[in-house]
């Protein structure tokens, strides 16, 4: 499981850097300041959770069941949160209105919050 988690952490980190550079250089010609800011938010949260996955893959205080659940929450959370932001903000480039995905963004955010809460709760219980 650690290899899978760490591998995805590297993939999320790498694509966050690529998307960040793409946004900073290529998209600034096409997007408004607000759209670029939103796009950057997606990149930041993707990178934060790439680092969270690195932690998850290396920490020994959590059991495998918790790691698997948190891994799944982070994967779907990043895809829903950051992915929907990428699609919603790039309408000017793609020509596709992904407005219907607006509901997916907060669902992704909630999944990310639950992932952090799950780690917190698991560590809190182990302290007893």
C-alpha atoms as a PDB file:
ATOM      1  CA  UNK A   1       0.000   0.000   0.000  1.00  0.00           C
ATOM      2  CA  UNK A   2       2.849   2.395   0.808  1.00  0.00           C
ATOM      3  CA  UNK A   3       4.221   2.078  -2.732  1.00  0.00           C
ATOM      4  CA  UNK A   4       0.807   2.862  -4.248  1.00  0.00           C
ATOM      5  CA  UNK A   5       0.279   5.861  -1.955  1.00  0.00           C
ATOM      6  CA  UNK A   6       3.773   7.262  -2.483  1.00  0.00           C
ATOM      7  CA  UNK A   7       3.567   6.718  -6.238  1.00  0.00           C
ATOM      8  CA  UNK A   8       0.323   8.647  -6.486  1.00  0.00           C
ATOM      9  CA  UNK A   9       1.793  11.357  -4.268  1.00  0.00           C
ATOM     10  CA  UNK A  10       4.605  11.771  -6.783  1.00  0.00           C
ATOM     11  CA  UNK A  11       2.130  11.849  -9.683  1.00  0.00           C
ATOM     12  CA  UNK A  12      -0.086  14.430  -7.965  1.00  0.00           C
ATOM     13  CA  UNK A  13       2.978  16.540  -7.109  1.00  0.00           C
ATOM     14  CA  UNK A  14       4.396  16.362 -10.619  1.00  0.00           C
ATOM     15  CA  UNK A  15       1.088  17.245 -12.290  1.00  0.00           C
ATOM     16  CA  UNK A  16       0.527  20.082  -9.806  1.00  0.00           C
ATOM     17  CA  UNK A  17       3.845  21.612 -10.862  1.00  0.00           C
ATOM     18  CA  UNK A  18       3.027  21.129 -14.549  1.00  0.00           C
ATOM     19  CA  UNK A  19      -0.447  22.630 -14.146  1.00  0.00           C
ATOM     20  CA  UNK A  20       0.925  25.494 -12.054  1.00  0.00           C
ATOM     21  CA  UNK A  21       3.448  26.364 -14.751  1.00  0.00           C
ATOM     22  CA  UNK A  22       0.790  25.969 -17.437  1.00  0.00           C
ATOM     23  CA  UNK A  23      -1.488  28.349 -15.548  1.00  0.00           C
ATOM     24  CA  UNK A  24       1.246  30.892 -14.874  1.00  0.00           C
ATOM     25  CA  UNK A  25       2.528  30.987 -18.438  1.00  0.00           C
ATOM     26  CA  UNK A  26      -0.011  29.752 -20.968  1.00  0.00           C
ATOM     27  CA  UNK A  27      -3.364  30.435 -19.334  1.00  0.00           C
ATOM     28  CA  UNK A  28      -2.665  34.001 -18.193  1.00  0.00           C
ATOM     29  CA  UNK A  29      -3.274  35.135 -21.777  1.00  0.00           C
ATOM     30  CA  UNK A  30      -6.790  33.675 -21.799  1.00  0.00           C
ATOM     31  CA  UNK A  31      -8.152  33.760 -18.264  1.00  0.00           C
ATOM     32  CA  UNK A  32      -9.250  36.591 -16.010  1.00  0.00           C
ATOM     33  CA  UNK A  33      -7.414  37.299 -12.764  1.00  0.00           C
ATOM     34  CA  UNK A  34     -10.256  35.616 -10.839  1.00  0.00           C
ATOM     35  CA  UNK A  35     -10.136  32.510 -13.047  1.00  0.00           C
ATOM     36  CA  UNK A  36      -6.351  32.287 -12.688  1.00  0.00           C
ATOM     37  CA  UNK A  37      -6.668  32.653  -8.937  1.00  0.00           C
ATOM     38  CA  UNK A  38      -9.201  29.818  -8.823  1.00  0.00           C
ATOM     39  CA  UNK A  39      -7.003  27.665 -11.059  1.00  0.00           C
ATOM     40  CA  UNK A  40      -4.070  28.307  -8.698  1.00  0.00           C
ATOM     41  CA  UNK A  41      -6.258  27.259  -5.759  1.00  0.00           C
ATOM     42  CA  UNK A  42      -6.809  23.910  -7.462  1.00  0.00           C
ATOM     43  CA  UNK A  43      -3.058  23.548  -7.986  1.00  0.00           C
ATOM     44  CA  UNK A  44      -2.270  24.454  -4.365  1.00  0.00           C
ATOM     45  CA  UNK A  45      -4.741  21.967  -2.934  1.00  0.00           C
ATOM     46  CA  UNK A  46      -3.482  19.266  -5.257  1.00  0.00           C
ATOM     47  CA  UNK A  47       0.083  19.897  -4.071  1.00  0.00           C
ATOM     48  CA  UNK A  48      -0.941  20.047  -0.401  1.00  0.00           C
ATOM     49  CA  UNK A  49      -2.554  16.663  -0.762  1.00  0.00           C
ATOM     50  CA  UNK A  50       0.379  15.224  -2.696  1.00  0.00           C
ATOM     51  CA  UNK A  51       2.440  16.063   0.388  1.00  0.00           C
ATOM     52  CA  UNK A  52      -0.274  14.595   2.616  1.00  0.00           C
ATOM     53  CA  UNK A  53      -0.066  11.368   0.600  1.00  0.00           C
ATOM     54  CA  UNK A  54       3.715  11.309   1.052  1.00  0.00           C
ATOM     55  CA  UNK A  55       3.162  11.570   4.789  1.00  0.00           C
ATOM     56  CA  UNK A  56       0.460   8.902   4.680  1.00  0.00           C
ATOM     57  CA  UNK A  57       2.688   6.503   2.791  1.00  0.00           C
ATOM     58  CA  UNK A  58       5.542   6.841   5.265  1.00  0.00           C
ATOM     59  CA  UNK A  59       3.874   7.134   8.668  1.00  0.00           C
ATOM     60  CA  UNK A  60       3.723   4.036  10.821  1.00  0.00           C
ATOM     61  CA  UNK A  61       1.268   5.288  13.449  1.00  0.00           C
ATOM     62  CA  UNK A  62      -1.731   4.589  11.183  1.00  0.00           C
ATOM     63  CA  UNK A  63      -2.985   1.095  10.413  1.00  0.00           C
ATOM     64  CA  UNK A  64      -3.460  -0.186   6.854  1.00  0.00           C
ATOM     65  CA  UNK A  65      -7.249   0.116   6.981  1.00  0.00           C
ATOM     66  CA  UNK A  66      -7.015   3.804   7.900  1.00  0.00           C
ATOM     67  CA  UNK A  67      -4.358   4.420   5.266  1.00  0.00           C
ATOM     68  CA  UNK A  68      -6.544   2.842   2.592  1.00  0.00           C
ATOM     69  CA  UNK A  69      -9.608   4.889   3.556  1.00  0.00           C
ATOM     70  CA  UNK A  70      -7.666   8.139   3.748  1.00  0.00           C
ATOM     71  CA  UNK A  71      -5.951   7.364   0.442  1.00  0.00           C
ATOM     72  CA  UNK A  72      -9.331   6.889  -1.251  1.00  0.00           C
ATOM     73  CA  UNK A  73     -10.739  10.060   0.287  1.00  0.00           C
ATOM     74  CA  UNK A  74      -7.741  12.078  -0.899  1.00  0.00           C
ATOM     75  CA  UNK A  75      -7.802  10.635  -4.421  1.00  0.00           C
ATOM     76  CA  UNK A  76     -11.482  11.373  -4.954  1.00  0.00           C
ATOM     77  CA  UNK A  77     -11.236  14.660  -3.066  1.00  0.00           C
ATOM     78  CA  UNK A  78      -8.419  15.962  -5.266  1.00  0.00           C
ATOM     79  CA  UNK A  79     -10.081  14.766  -8.463  1.00  0.00           C
ATOM     80  CA  UNK A  80     -13.417  16.326  -7.502  1.00  0.00           C
ATOM     81  CA  UNK A  81     -12.047  19.517  -5.930  1.00  0.00           C
ATOM     82  CA  UNK A  82      -9.036  20.415  -8.039  1.00  0.00           C
ATOM     83  CA  UNK A  83     -10.255  18.676 -11.186  1.00  0.00           C
ATOM     84  CA  UNK A  84     -13.567  20.508 -11.194  1.00  0.00           C
ATOM     85  CA  UNK A  85     -11.807  23.821 -10.591  1.00  0.00           C
ATOM     86  CA  UNK A  86      -9.492  23.183 -13.544  1.00  0.00           C
ATOM     87  CA  UNK A  87     -12.446  22.453 -15.805  1.00  0.00           C
ATOM     88  CA  UNK A  88     -14.636  25.280 -14.491  1.00  0.00           C
ATOM     89  CA  UNK A  89     -11.941  27.944 -14.893  1.00  0.00           C
ATOM     90  CA  UNK A  90     -10.721  27.000 -18.379  1.00  0.00           C
ATOM     91  CA  UNK A  91     -13.957  27.549 -20.314  1.00  0.00           C
ATOM     92  CA  UNK A  92     -12.269  30.375 -22.254  1.00  0.00           C
ATOM     93  CA  UNK A  93      -9.671  27.887 -23.530  1.00  0.00           C
ATOM     94  CA  UNK A  94     -11.741  24.727 -23.994  1.00  0.00           C
ATOM     95  CA  UNK A  95     -14.955  26.381 -25.100  1.00  0.00           C
ATOM     96  CA  UNK A  96     -16.846  23.917 -22.912  1.00  0.00           C
ATOM     97  CA  UNK A  97     -19.044  25.162 -20.092  1.00  0.00           C
ATOM     98  CA  UNK A  98     -18.570  22.794 -17.170  1.00  0.00           C
ATOM     99  CA  UNK A  99     -20.938  24.815 -14.951  1.00  0.00           C
ATOM    100  CA  UNK A 100     -22.786  21.610 -14.045  1.00  0.00           C
ATOM    101  CA  UNK A 101     -19.629  20.520 -12.170  1.00  0.00           C
ATOM    102  CA  UNK A 102     -20.019  23.392  -9.706  1.00  0.00           C
ATOM    103  CA  UNK A 103     -21.591  21.028  -7.164  1.00  0.00           C
ATOM    104  CA  UNK A 104     -18.625  18.644  -7.403  1.00  0.00           C
ATOM    105  CA  UNK A 105     -16.112  21.159  -6.019  1.00  0.00           C
ATOM    106  CA  UNK A 106     -17.548  21.358  -2.484  1.00  0.00           C
ATOM    107  CA  UNK A 107     -18.044  17.584  -2.432  1.00  0.00           C
ATOM    108  CA  UNK A 108     -14.331  17.200  -3.182  1.00  0.00           C
ATOM    109  CA  UNK A 109     -13.500  19.709  -0.471  1.00  0.00           C
ATOM    110  CA  UNK A 110     -15.630  17.782   1.999  1.00  0.00           C
ATOM    111  CA  UNK A 111     -13.829  14.544   1.107  1.00  0.00           C
ATOM    112  CA  UNK A 112     -10.480  16.218   1.772  1.00  0.00           C
ATOM    113  CA  UNK A 113     -11.695  17.511   5.130  1.00  0.00           C
ATOM    114  CA  UNK A 114     -12.939  14.033   6.060  1.00  0.00           C
ATOM    115  CA  UNK A 115      -9.525  12.570   5.136  1.00  0.00           C
ATOM    116  CA  UNK A 116      -7.755  14.937   7.531  1.00  0.00           C
ATOM    117  CA  UNK A 117     -10.387  14.337  10.222  1.00  0.00           C
ATOM    118  CA  UNK A 118      -9.981  10.582   9.833  1.00  0.00           C
ATOM    119  CA  UNK A 119      -6.226  10.820  10.418  1.00  0.00           C
ATOM    120  CA  UNK A 120      -6.787  13.131  13.390  1.00  0.00           C
ATOM    121  CA  UNK A 121      -9.370  10.803  14.912  1.00  0.00           C
ATOM    122  CA  UNK A 122      -7.254   7.698  14.388  1.00  0.00           C
ATOM    123  CA  UNK A 123      -4.233   9.325  16.046  1.00  0.00           C
ATOM    124  CA  UNK A 124      -6.389  10.688  18.890  1.00  0.00           C
ATOM    125  CA  UNK A 125      -7.807   7.218  19.616  1.00  0.00           C
ATOM    126  CA  UNK A 126      -4.341   5.627  19.593  1.00  0.00           C
ATOM    127  CA  UNK A 127      -3.123   8.087  22.237  1.00  0.00           C
ATOM    128  CA  UNK A 128      -5.578   6.645  24.769  1.00  0.00           C
END
